Amino acid sequence: QLLNPYFWTKMMLIVVVALATLGLQRSIERRAGVWESRRAIYAVRAGALGLVCVWAAIMVMGRWIAYGV
């Protein structure tokens, strides 16, 4: 499986989602008193939705590993 492009795409996406999750978490912790703003809430929601989309892509790549070269 180490030569499969879907496997390596999945591994790279896992690294991306891990770093993005840490960044989002730190951003939320730093701005603890700013959450009265709707703009801040929408920004966090957009970031969380982006992370969910990356997780969905990771699942798809996991399924496609069986069909790769």
C-alpha atoms as a PDB file:
ATOM      1  CA  GLN A   1       0.000   0.000   0.000  1.00  0.00           C
ATOM      2  CA  LEU A   2       2.986   2.317   0.304  1.00  0.00           C
ATOM      3  CA  LEU A   3       2.953   2.975  -3.457  1.00  0.00           C
ATOM      4  CA  ASN A   4      -0.776   3.751  -3.562  1.00  0.00           C
ATOM      5  CA  PRO A   5      -1.469   7.449  -4.280  1.00  0.00           C
ATOM      6  CA  TYR A   6      -4.762   7.333  -2.363  1.00  0.00           C
ATOM      7  CA  PHE A   7      -2.927   6.147   0.740  1.00  0.00           C
ATOM      8  CA  TRP A   8      -0.468   9.059   0.574  1.00  0.00           C
ATOM      9  CA  THR A   9      -3.261  11.531  -0.089  1.00  0.00           C
ATOM     10  CA  LYS A  10      -5.046  10.237   2.974  1.00  0.00           C
ATOM     11  CA  MET A  11      -1.904  10.529   5.103  1.00  0.00           C
ATOM     12  CA  MET A  12      -1.320  14.112   3.967  1.00  0.00           C
ATOM     13  CA  LEU A  13      -4.945  15.003   4.683  1.00  0.00           C
ATOM     14  CA  ILE A  14      -4.593  13.572   8.197  1.00  0.00           C
ATOM     15  CA  VAL A  15      -1.592  15.824   8.810  1.00  0.00           C
ATOM     16  CA  VAL A  16      -3.502  18.815   7.421  1.00  0.00           C
ATOM     17  CA  VAL A  17      -6.592  18.173   9.531  1.00  0.00           C
ATOM     18  CA  ALA A  18      -4.516  17.628  12.684  1.00  0.00           C
ATOM     19  CA  LEU A  19      -2.680  20.933  12.235  1.00  0.00           C
ATOM     20  CA  ALA A  20      -5.875  22.774  11.304  1.00  0.00           C
ATOM     21  CA  THR A  21      -7.657  21.370  14.362  1.00  0.00           C
ATOM     22  CA  LEU A  22      -4.850  22.523  16.642  1.00  0.00           C
ATOM     23  CA  GLY A  23      -4.902  25.952  15.018  1.00  0.00           C
ATOM     24  CA  LEU A  24      -8.667  26.279  15.405  1.00  0.00           C
ATOM     25  CA  GLN A  25      -8.519  25.142  19.024  1.00  0.00           C
ATOM     26  CA  ARG A  26      -5.775  27.639  19.887  1.00  0.00           C
ATOM     27  CA  SER A  27      -7.640  30.407  18.099  1.00  0.00           C
ATOM     28  CA  ILE A  28     -10.756  29.685  20.128  1.00  0.00           C
ATOM     29  CA  GLU A  29      -8.816  29.567  23.395  1.00  0.00           C
ATOM     30  CA  ARG A  30      -7.032  32.878  22.692  1.00  0.00           C
ATOM     31  CA  ARG A  31     -10.250  34.706  21.923  1.00  0.00           C
ATOM     32  CA  ALA A  32     -12.335  33.434  24.808  1.00  0.00           C
ATOM     33  CA  GLY A  33     -14.014  36.796  25.478  1.00  0.00           C
ATOM     34  CA  VAL A  34     -14.884  37.661  21.874  1.00  0.00           C
ATOM     35  CA  TRP A  35     -17.706  35.188  21.340  1.00  0.00           C
ATOM     36  CA  GLU A  36     -20.451  37.778  21.658  1.00  0.00           C
ATOM     37  CA  SER A  37     -19.755  38.753  18.040  1.00  0.00           C
ATOM     38  CA  ARG A  38     -21.750  36.914  15.384  1.00  0.00           C
ATOM     39  CA  ARG A  39     -18.843  37.305  12.982  1.00  0.00           C
ATOM     40  CA  ALA A  40     -16.551  35.329  15.301  1.00  0.00           C
ATOM     41  CA  ILE A  41     -19.148  32.611  15.736  1.00  0.00           C
ATOM     42  CA  TYR A  42     -19.615  32.296  11.962  1.00  0.00           C
ATOM     43  CA  ALA A  43     -15.860  32.130  11.461  1.00  0.00           C
ATOM     44  CA  VAL A  44     -15.561  29.242  13.908  1.00  0.00           C
ATOM     45  CA  ARG A  45     -18.508  27.474  12.317  1.00  0.00           C
ATOM     46  CA  ALA A  46     -16.919  27.852   8.881  1.00  0.00           C
ATOM     47  CA  GLY A  47     -13.644  26.459  10.198  1.00  0.00           C
ATOM     48  CA  ALA A  48     -15.420  23.526  11.810  1.00  0.00           C
ATOM     49  CA  LEU A  49     -17.342  22.827   8.603  1.00  0.00           C
ATOM     50  CA  GLY A  50     -14.073  22.869   6.692  1.00  0.00           C
ATOM     51  CA  LEU A  51     -12.607  20.324   9.097  1.00  0.00           C
ATOM     52  CA  VAL A  52     -15.641  18.073   8.695  1.00  0.00           C
ATOM     53  CA  CYS A  53     -15.198  18.252   4.911  1.00  0.00           C
ATOM     54  CA  VAL A  54     -11.540  17.254   5.224  1.00  0.00           C
ATOM     55  CA  TRP A  55     -12.527  14.330   7.463  1.00  0.00           C
ATOM     56  CA  ALA A  56     -15.049  13.249   4.821  1.00  0.00           C
ATOM     57  CA  ALA A  57     -12.295  13.384   2.195  1.00  0.00           C
ATOM     58  CA  ILE A  58     -10.101  11.230   4.464  1.00  0.00           C
ATOM     59  CA  MET A  59     -12.860   8.630   4.663  1.00  0.00           C
ATOM     60  CA  VAL A  60     -13.290   8.649   0.881  1.00  0.00           C
ATOM     61  CA  MET A  61      -9.546   8.216   0.370  1.00  0.00           C
ATOM     62  CA  GLY A  62      -9.624   5.288   2.787  1.00  0.00           C
ATOM     63  CA  ARG A  63     -12.294   3.595   0.708  1.00  0.00           C
ATOM     64  CA  TRP A  64     -10.419   4.273  -2.562  1.00  0.00           C
ATOM     65  CA  ILE A  65      -7.192   2.693  -1.316  1.00  0.00           C
ATOM     66  CA  ALA A  66      -8.551  -0.700  -2.406  1.00  0.00           C
ATOM     67  CA  TYR A  67      -8.937   0.523  -5.996  1.00  0.00           C
ATOM     68  CA  GLY A  68      -5.609   2.306  -6.355  1.00  0.00           C
ATOM     69  CA  VAL A  69      -2.625   1.095  -8.314  1.00  0.00           C
END
